[in-house]
C-alpha atoms as a PDB file:
ATOM      1  CA  MET A   1    -207.158  59.881  82.822  1.00  0.00           C
ATOM      2  CA  THR A   2    -205.024  62.799  83.732  1.00  0.00           C
ATOM      3  CA  THR A   3    -201.304  62.907  82.756  1.00  0.00           C
ATOM      4  CA  SER A   4    -198.622  65.382  83.440  1.00  0.00           C
ATOM      5  CA  THR A   5    -196.162  66.530  81.032  1.00  0.00           C
ATOM      6  CA  THR A   6    -193.237  64.881  83.015  1.00  0.00           C
ATOM      7  CA  ASP A   7    -195.480  61.671  82.650  1.00  0.00           C
ATOM      8  CA  VAL A   8    -195.579  62.059  78.894  1.00  0.00           C
ATOM      9  CA  SER A   9    -191.974  62.784  78.502  1.00  0.00           C
ATOM     10  CA  VAL A  10    -191.070  59.681  80.288  1.00  0.00           C
ATOM     11  CA  ALA A  11    -193.548  57.799  78.355  1.00  0.00           C
ATOM     12  CA  ALA A  12    -192.079  59.039  75.156  1.00  0.00           C
ATOM     13  CA  LYS A  13    -188.670  57.993  76.394  1.00  0.00           C
ATOM     14  CA  LEU A  14    -189.846  54.449  76.889  1.00  0.00           C
ATOM     15  CA  PHE A  15    -191.474  54.181  73.572  1.00  0.00           C
ATOM     16  CA  ARG A  16    -188.412  55.601  71.823  1.00  0.00           C
ATOM     17  CA  GLY A  17    -186.481  53.061  73.393  1.00  0.00           C
ATOM     18  CA  LEU A  18    -188.740  50.311  72.199  1.00  0.00           C
ATOM     19  CA  GLY A  19    -188.755  51.960  68.704  1.00  0.00           C
ATOM     20  CA  ASP A  20    -185.151  50.797  68.182  1.00  0.00           C
ATOM     21  CA  PRO A  21    -185.717  47.503  66.122  1.00  0.00           C
ATOM     22  CA  THR A  22    -182.808  45.738  67.840  1.00  0.00           C
ATOM     23  CA  ARG A  23    -183.894  46.535  71.371  1.00  0.00           C
ATOM     24  CA  LEU A  24    -187.343  45.450  70.462  1.00  0.00           C
ATOM     25  CA  SER A  25    -185.959  42.108  68.777  1.00  0.00           C
ATOM     26  CA  ILE A  26    -184.180  41.637  72.287  1.00  0.00           C
ATOM     27  CA  LEU A  27    -187.364  42.047  74.187  1.00  0.00           C
ATOM     28  CA  LEU A  28    -189.306  39.906  71.983  1.00  0.00           C
ATOM     29  CA  ALA A  29    -186.630  37.049  72.141  1.00  0.00           C
ATOM     30  CA  LEU A  30    -186.651  37.460  75.968  1.00  0.00           C
ATOM     31  CA  VAL A  31    -190.263  37.101  76.354  1.00  0.00           C
ATOM     32  CA  GLU A  32    -189.994  33.344  75.348  1.00  0.00           C
ATOM     33  CA  ARG A  33    -187.247  32.207  77.465  1.00  0.00           C
ATOM     34  CA  GLU A  34    -183.884  33.425  79.242  1.00  0.00           C
ATOM     35  CA  LEU A  35    -180.866  34.108  77.084  1.00  0.00           C
ATOM     36  CA  ARG A  36    -177.361  35.198  77.143  1.00  0.00           C
ATOM     37  CA  VAL A  37    -175.653  37.855  75.013  1.00  0.00           C
ATOM     38  CA  THR A  38    -174.048  35.106  72.840  1.00  0.00           C
ATOM     39  CA  ASP A  39    -177.460  33.464  72.319  1.00  0.00           C
ATOM     40  CA  LEU A  40    -179.060  36.639  71.548  1.00  0.00           C
ATOM     41  CA  VAL A  41    -176.267  37.525  68.937  1.00  0.00           C
ATOM     42  CA  ALA A  42    -176.693  33.799  67.350  1.00  0.00           C
ATOM     43  CA  GLU A  43    -180.607  34.533  67.162  1.00  0.00           C
ATOM     44  CA  LEU A  44    -180.748  38.204  66.004  1.00  0.00           C
ATOM     45  CA  GLY A  45    -177.415  38.615  64.330  1.00  0.00           C
ATOM     46  CA  GLY A  46    -175.271  41.758  64.833  1.00  0.00           C
ATOM     47  CA  SER A  47    -171.937  42.097  66.726  1.00  0.00           C
ATOM     48  CA  GLN A  48    -171.638  40.998  70.185  1.00  0.00           C
ATOM     49  CA  GLY A  49    -170.812  44.498  71.364  1.00  0.00           C
ATOM     50  CA  ASN A  50    -173.766  45.977  69.652  1.00  0.00           C
ATOM     51  CA  ILE A  51    -176.218  43.402  71.143  1.00  0.00           C
ATOM     52  CA  SER A  52    -174.374  43.993  74.547  1.00  0.00           C
ATOM     53  CA  GLY A  53    -174.799  47.545  74.328  1.00  0.00           C
ATOM     54  CA  HIS A  54    -178.594  47.041  73.748  1.00  0.00           C
ATOM     55  CA  VAL A  55    -178.851  44.545  76.492  1.00  0.00           C
ATOM     56  CA  GLY A  56    -177.142  47.268  78.958  1.00  0.00           C
ATOM     57  CA  CYS A  57    -179.513  49.811  77.944  1.00  0.00           C
ATOM     58  CA  LEU A  58    -182.477  47.676  78.596  1.00  0.00           C
ATOM     59  CA  ARG A  59    -181.307  46.644  81.914  1.00  0.00           C
ATOM     60  CA  GLU A  60    -180.563  50.196  82.886  1.00  0.00           C
ATOM     61  CA  CYS A  61    -184.038  51.051  82.115  1.00  0.00           C
ATOM     62  CA  GLY A  62    -185.458  48.182  84.000  1.00  0.00           C
ATOM     63  CA  LEU A  63    -186.973  46.454  81.272  1.00  0.00           C
ATOM     64  CA  ILE A  64    -184.840  43.357  81.471  1.00  0.00           C
ATOM     65  CA  VAL A  65    -182.927  41.695  84.418  1.00  0.00           C
ATOM     66  CA  ALA A  66    -180.038  39.705  84.826  1.00  0.00           C
ATOM     67  CA  ARG A  67    -179.489  36.237  86.481  1.00  0.00           C
ATOM     68  CA  PRO A  68    -175.646  35.117  86.794  1.00  0.00           C
ATOM     69  CA  GLU A  69    -175.030  31.554  86.700  1.00  0.00           C
ATOM     70  CA  GLY A  70    -171.277  30.772  87.202  1.00  0.00           C
ATOM     71  CA  ARG A  71    -169.499  32.759  84.555  1.00  0.00           C
ATOM     72  CA  GLN A  72    -172.622  33.241  82.236  1.00  0.00           C
ATOM     73  CA  THR A  73    -175.423  35.912  82.567  1.00  0.00           C
ATOM     74  CA  PHE A  74    -178.949  35.076  81.532  1.00  0.00           C
ATOM     75  CA  TYR A  75    -181.381  37.991  80.842  1.00  0.00           C
ATOM     76  CA  ARG A  76    -185.263  37.857  80.977  1.00  0.00           C
ATOM     77  CA  VAL A  77    -187.901  40.372  80.482  1.00  0.00           C
ATOM     78  CA  ALA A  78    -188.338  41.983  83.979  1.00  0.00           C
ATOM     79  CA  GLY A  79    -191.916  41.626  84.648  1.00  0.00           C
ATOM     80  CA  PRO A  80    -195.416  40.519  83.158  1.00  0.00           C
ATOM     81  CA  GLU A  81    -196.487  44.190  82.583  1.00  0.00           C
ATOM     82  CA  ILE A  82    -193.704  44.342  79.953  1.00  0.00           C
ATOM     83  CA  VAL A  83    -194.755  41.263  78.142  1.00  0.00           C
ATOM     84  CA  SER A  84    -198.440  42.632  78.213  1.00  0.00           C
ATOM     85  CA  LEU A  85    -197.169  45.767  76.605  1.00  0.00           C
ATOM     86  CA  LEU A  86    -195.532  43.896  73.895  1.00  0.00           C
ATOM     87  CA  ARG A  87    -198.446  41.862  73.421  1.00  0.00           C
ATOM     88  CA  ALA A  88    -200.677  44.796  73.278  1.00  0.00           C
ATOM     89  CA  GLY A  89    -198.394  46.190  70.496  1.00  0.00           C
ATOM     90  CA  GLU A  90    -198.742  43.167  68.507  1.00  0.00           C
ATOM     91  CA  THR A  91    -202.671  43.253  68.862  1.00  0.00           C
ATOM     92  CA  VAL A  92    -202.623  46.887  67.779  1.00  0.00           C
ATOM     93  CA  LEU A  93    -200.260  46.113  64.613  1.00  0.00           C
ATOM     94  CA  ALA A  94    -202.721  43.362  63.718  1.00  0.00           C
ATOM     95  CA  ARG A  95    -205.527  45.979  63.455  1.00  0.00           C
ATOM     96  CA  THR A  96    -203.356  48.821  62.199  1.00  0.00           C
ATOM     97  CA  GLY A  97    -200.194  47.487  60.589  1.00  0.00           C
ATOM     98  CA  THR A  98    -201.001  48.274  57.085  1.00  0.00           C
ATOM     99  CA  GLU A  99    -201.854  51.971  57.857  1.00  0.00           C
ATOM    100  CA  VAL A 100    -198.639  52.071  60.120  1.00  0.00           C
ATOM    101  CA  THR A 101    -196.447  50.494  57.100  1.00  0.00           C
ATOM    102  CA  LEU A 102    -197.921  52.988  54.698  1.00  0.00           C
ATOM    103  CA  CYS A 103    -198.142  56.216  57.080  1.00  0.00           C
ATOM    104  CA  PRO A 104    -196.001  59.106  55.415  1.00  0.00           C
ATOM    105  CA  ASN A 105    -195.332  60.538  58.652  1.00  0.00           C
ATOM    106  CA  TYR A 106    -193.017  57.744  59.886  1.00  0.00           C
ATOM    107  CA  VAL A 107    -189.473  57.205  58.823  1.00  0.00           C
ATOM    108  CA  ASN A 108    -188.826  53.711  57.386  1.00  0.00           C
ATOM    109  CA  GLU A 109    -185.746  51.458  57.589  1.00  0.00           C
ATOM    110  CA  GLN A 110    -184.492  53.020  54.285  1.00  0.00           C
ATOM    111  CA  GLY A 111    -184.816  56.525  55.324  1.00  0.00           C
ATOM    112  CA  PRO A 112    -187.497  59.294  55.420  1.00  0.00           C
ATOM    113  CA  SER A 113    -190.261  58.757  53.218  1.00  0.00           C
ATOM    114  CA  ASP A 114    -190.933  61.048  50.298  1.00  0.00           C
ATOM    115  CA  GLY A 115    -194.510  61.939  51.489  1.00  0.00           C
END
């Protein structure tokens, strides 16, 4: 498979976006069903402004879509390929999760590792 520098750069942006725990949690919640921002706040915690900002980011990147219904807006994952990507990530983590957790080259939630 031949990949250009531009393709790699765009793919890196995608994975950086998915690397945010809040955005990833939103996507995983939306795999199961359509939800409003209010539902996501109740399910994931955090402020409505924070969740709404992440939803806007995911929508602008084309990863989720909105469905207005009256005064409410419901969000869902934009397509099956996104669900497949998330499921593939779960499969990779089932195989390598311990190594990823212990890897000294990544930053954990508490800050940089000492390795």
